[in-house]
Amino acid sequence: MPNDVNSFNKEIATLSVRLKRQLATAVKAEADRLADAIKAAAPVDTGTLRDSVKVRRTKRGLTLEVTAGGDSTTHGERGPHGTADYALFVEYGTRKKPAQPFFYNTARQMQPEITDNITKAVEEVLK
């Protein structure tokens, strides 16, 4: 009996570590999968927009961000509104060019599957 209790206590003590590790692995895998899907959906002229899609770790432990645009797609001073990010122009369109949504539509479409995959990863540890 004492051996069973010790074994159980060890299992409980490691649960949070195992759970955090499994969750971090699942979140990273899903963020990478989302980034790949966004890259595949991005319209390609020069490839700069597609190549700007990145997965970044935030200051919060298990939080990752999938981003597009930024320095590589931002152009200098432009009109009264300052700098302009080409990624936003493609996603939402302009007066002269229609929108070519590649980011948010892909993220919305994949969200249920991403949530399910992360939930399954957590459930594996809790079983």
C-alpha atoms as a PDB file:
ATOM      1  CA  MET A   1       0.000   0.000   0.000  1.00  0.00           C
ATOM      2  CA  PRO A   2       2.665   2.612   0.836  1.00  0.00           C
ATOM      3  CA  ASN A   3       4.297   1.939  -2.519  1.00  0.00           C
ATOM      4  CA  ASP A   4       0.998   2.658  -4.307  1.00  0.00           C
ATOM      5  CA  VAL A   5       0.578   5.917  -2.397  1.00  0.00           C
ATOM      6  CA  ASN A   6       4.143   6.983  -3.195  1.00  0.00           C
ATOM      7  CA  SER A   7       3.620   6.101  -6.813  1.00  0.00           C
ATOM      8  CA  PHE A   8       0.369   8.043  -6.892  1.00  0.00           C
ATOM      9  CA  ASN A   9       1.956  11.092  -5.228  1.00  0.00           C
ATOM     10  CA  LYS A  10       4.811  11.055  -7.728  1.00  0.00           C
ATOM     11  CA  GLU A  11       2.316  10.894 -10.567  1.00  0.00           C
ATOM     12  CA  ILE A  12       0.366  13.857  -9.175  1.00  0.00           C
ATOM     13  CA  ALA A  13       3.573  15.857  -8.609  1.00  0.00           C
ATOM     14  CA  THR A  14       4.729  15.333 -12.179  1.00  0.00           C
ATOM     15  CA  LEU A  15       1.313  15.945 -13.686  1.00  0.00           C
ATOM     16  CA  SER A  16       1.725  19.697 -13.951  1.00  0.00           C
ATOM     17  CA  VAL A  17       5.176  19.343 -15.529  1.00  0.00           C
ATOM     18  CA  ARG A  18       3.961  16.689 -17.962  1.00  0.00           C
ATOM     19  CA  LEU A  19       0.821  18.648 -18.716  1.00  0.00           C
ATOM     20  CA  LYS A  20       2.741  21.844 -19.377  1.00  0.00           C
ATOM     21  CA  ARG A  21       5.230  20.033 -21.616  1.00  0.00           C
ATOM     22  CA  GLN A  22       2.452  18.320 -23.589  1.00  0.00           C
ATOM     23  CA  LEU A  23       0.507  21.554 -23.894  1.00  0.00           C
ATOM     24  CA  ALA A  24       3.577  23.479 -25.074  1.00  0.00           C
ATOM     25  CA  THR A  25       4.305  20.797 -27.673  1.00  0.00           C
ATOM     26  CA  ALA A  26       0.709  20.789 -28.920  1.00  0.00           C
ATOM     27  CA  VAL A  27       0.487  24.588 -29.086  1.00  0.00           C
ATOM     28  CA  LYS A  28       3.783  24.783 -31.022  1.00  0.00           C
ATOM     29  CA  ALA A  29       2.681  22.094 -33.470  1.00  0.00           C
ATOM     30  CA  GLU A  30      -0.658  23.801 -34.092  1.00  0.00           C
ATOM     31  CA  ALA A  31       0.939  27.250 -34.473  1.00  0.00           C
ATOM     32  CA  ASP A  32       3.376  25.839 -37.022  1.00  0.00           C
ATOM     33  CA  ARG A  33       0.522  24.120 -38.863  1.00  0.00           C
ATOM     34  CA  LEU A  34      -1.473  27.356 -38.919  1.00  0.00           C
ATOM     35  CA  ALA A  35       1.526  29.341 -40.177  1.00  0.00           C
ATOM     36  CA  ASP A  36       2.056  26.802 -42.967  1.00  0.00           C
ATOM     37  CA  ALA A  37      -1.613  27.053 -43.982  1.00  0.00           C
ATOM     38  CA  ILE A  38      -1.492  30.862 -43.975  1.00  0.00           C
ATOM     39  CA  LYS A  39       1.662  30.781 -46.117  1.00  0.00           C
ATOM     40  CA  ALA A  40      -0.083  28.450 -48.563  1.00  0.00           C
ATOM     41  CA  ALA A  41      -3.101  30.787 -48.731  1.00  0.00           C
ATOM     42  CA  ALA A  42      -1.059  33.977 -49.190  1.00  0.00           C
ATOM     43  CA  PRO A  43      -1.084  35.365 -52.719  1.00  0.00           C
ATOM     44  CA  VAL A  44       2.420  35.300 -54.167  1.00  0.00           C
ATOM     45  CA  ASP A  45       3.831  38.072 -56.288  1.00  0.00           C
ATOM     46  CA  THR A  46       7.392  38.370 -55.028  1.00  0.00           C
ATOM     47  CA  GLY A  47       7.086  35.939 -52.095  1.00  0.00           C
ATOM     48  CA  THR A  48       7.807  38.618 -49.503  1.00  0.00           C
ATOM     49  CA  LEU A  49       4.319  38.445 -48.000  1.00  0.00           C
ATOM     50  CA  ARG A  50       4.385  34.642 -47.784  1.00  0.00           C
ATOM     51  CA  ASP A  51       7.850  34.730 -46.248  1.00  0.00           C
ATOM     52  CA  SER A  52       6.732  37.277 -43.639  1.00  0.00           C
ATOM     53  CA  VAL A  53       4.463  34.714 -41.925  1.00  0.00           C
ATOM     54  CA  LYS A  54       6.138  33.782 -38.639  1.00  0.00           C
ATOM     55  CA  VAL A  55       5.470  32.014 -35.365  1.00  0.00           C
ATOM     56  CA  ARG A  56       6.697  34.049 -32.399  1.00  0.00           C
ATOM     57  CA  ARG A  57       6.863  33.164 -28.723  1.00  0.00           C
ATOM     58  CA  THR A  58       5.348  35.828 -26.500  1.00  0.00           C
ATOM     59  CA  LYS A  59       6.338  36.735 -22.964  1.00  0.00           C
ATOM     60  CA  ARG A  60       3.610  34.430 -21.654  1.00  0.00           C
ATOM     61  CA  GLY A  61       4.903  30.898 -21.289  1.00  0.00           C
ATOM     62  CA  LEU A  62       2.564  28.880 -23.489  1.00  0.00           C
ATOM     63  CA  THR A  63       1.423  31.620 -25.838  1.00  0.00           C
ATOM     64  CA  LEU A  64       2.583  31.760 -29.435  1.00  0.00           C
ATOM     65  CA  GLU A  65       1.596  34.281 -32.099  1.00  0.00           C
ATOM     66  CA  VAL A  66       1.282  33.666 -35.790  1.00  0.00           C
ATOM     67  CA  THR A  67       1.938  36.932 -37.612  1.00  0.00           C
ATOM     68  CA  ALA A  68       2.194  38.194 -41.163  1.00  0.00           C
ATOM     69  CA  GLY A  69       3.641  41.446 -42.405  1.00  0.00           C
ATOM     70  CA  GLY A  70       5.922  43.633 -40.381  1.00  0.00           C
ATOM     71  CA  ASP A  71       9.234  45.162 -41.361  1.00  0.00           C
ATOM     72  CA  SER A  72       9.611  43.216 -44.594  1.00  0.00           C
ATOM     73  CA  THR A  73       6.207  44.318 -45.922  1.00  0.00           C
ATOM     74  CA  THR A  74       6.052  47.816 -44.434  1.00  0.00           C
ATOM     75  CA  HIS A  75       6.936  50.675 -46.723  1.00  0.00           C
ATOM     76  CA  GLY A  76       8.144  54.141 -45.730  1.00  0.00           C
ATOM     77  CA  GLU A  77       6.131  57.288 -45.345  1.00  0.00           C
ATOM     78  CA  ARG A  78       3.061  57.103 -47.484  1.00  0.00           C
ATOM     79  CA  GLY A  79       0.423  59.777 -47.626  1.00  0.00           C
ATOM     80  CA  PRO A  80      -1.172  61.341 -44.584  1.00  0.00           C
ATOM     81  CA  HIS A  81      -1.345  58.038 -42.695  1.00  0.00           C
ATOM     82  CA  GLY A  82       2.378  57.327 -42.363  1.00  0.00           C
ATOM     83  CA  THR A  83       3.796  53.883 -43.029  1.00  0.00           C
ATOM     84  CA  ALA A  84       1.793  51.231 -44.831  1.00  0.00           C
ATOM     85  CA  ASP A  85       1.931  47.461 -44.379  1.00  0.00           C
ATOM     86  CA  TYR A  86       1.362  45.604 -47.628  1.00  0.00           C
ATOM     87  CA  ALA A  87       0.013  42.603 -45.674  1.00  0.00           C
ATOM     88  CA  LEU A  88      -2.972  44.657 -44.519  1.00  0.00           C
ATOM     89  CA  PHE A  89      -3.623  45.934 -48.030  1.00  0.00           C
ATOM     90  CA  VAL A  90      -3.713  42.380 -49.354  1.00  0.00           C
ATOM     91  CA  GLU A  91      -5.903  41.061 -46.515  1.00  0.00           C
ATOM     92  CA  TYR A  92      -8.468  43.883 -46.590  1.00  0.00           C
ATOM     93  CA  GLY A  93      -8.030  45.397 -50.049  1.00  0.00           C
ATOM     94  CA  THR A  94      -7.730  49.006 -51.109  1.00  0.00           C
ATOM     95  CA  ARG A  95      -9.749  51.358 -53.277  1.00  0.00           C
ATOM     96  CA  LYS A  96      -7.835  50.095 -56.268  1.00  0.00           C
ATOM     97  CA  LYS A  97      -7.398  46.392 -55.448  1.00  0.00           C
ATOM     98  CA  PRO A  98      -9.919  43.950 -54.013  1.00  0.00           C
ATOM     99  CA  ALA A  99      -9.180  42.079 -50.795  1.00  0.00           C
ATOM    100  CA  GLN A 100      -7.346  38.769 -51.043  1.00  0.00           C
ATOM    101  CA  PRO A 101      -7.951  37.388 -47.545  1.00  0.00           C
ATOM    102  CA  PHE A 102      -5.309  34.864 -46.587  1.00  0.00           C
ATOM    103  CA  PHE A 103      -4.765  35.302 -42.850  1.00  0.00           C
ATOM    104  CA  TYR A 104      -7.966  35.602 -40.831  1.00  0.00           C
ATOM    105  CA  ASN A 105     -10.088  33.345 -43.029  1.00  0.00           C
ATOM    106  CA  THR A 106      -7.493  30.596 -42.694  1.00  0.00           C
ATOM    107  CA  ALA A 107      -7.236  31.087 -38.932  1.00  0.00           C
ATOM    108  CA  ARG A 108     -11.026  31.036 -38.480  1.00  0.00           C
ATOM    109  CA  GLN A 109     -11.392  27.955 -40.642  1.00  0.00           C
ATOM    110  CA  MET A 110      -8.703  26.050 -38.707  1.00  0.00           C
ATOM    111  CA  GLN A 111      -9.700  27.191 -35.209  1.00  0.00           C
ATOM    112  CA  PRO A 112     -12.057  24.279 -34.352  1.00  0.00           C
ATOM    113  CA  GLU A 113      -9.488  21.671 -35.406  1.00  0.00           C
ATOM    114  CA  ILE A 114      -6.677  23.473 -33.576  1.00  0.00           C
ATOM    115  CA  THR A 115      -8.766  23.586 -30.405  1.00  0.00           C
ATOM    116  CA  ASP A 116      -9.640  19.886 -30.738  1.00  0.00           C
ATOM    117  CA  ASN A 117      -6.009  18.887 -31.264  1.00  0.00           C
ATOM    118  CA  ILE A 118      -4.816  20.837 -28.219  1.00  0.00           C
ATOM    119  CA  THR A 119      -7.660  19.429 -26.112  1.00  0.00           C
ATOM    120  CA  LYS A 120      -6.748  15.865 -27.166  1.00  0.00           C
ATOM    121  CA  ALA A 121      -3.119  16.466 -26.225  1.00  0.00           C
ATOM    122  CA  VAL A 122      -4.152  17.606 -22.739  1.00  0.00           C
ATOM    123  CA  GLU A 123      -6.562  14.676 -22.349  1.00  0.00           C
ATOM    124  CA  GLU A 124      -3.736  12.238 -23.151  1.00  0.00           C
ATOM    125  CA  VAL A 125      -1.819  13.462 -20.116  1.00  0.00           C
ATOM    126  CA  LEU A 126      -4.874  13.438 -17.849  1.00  0.00           C
ATOM    127  CA  LYS A 127      -5.826   9.834 -18.668  1.00  0.00           C
END
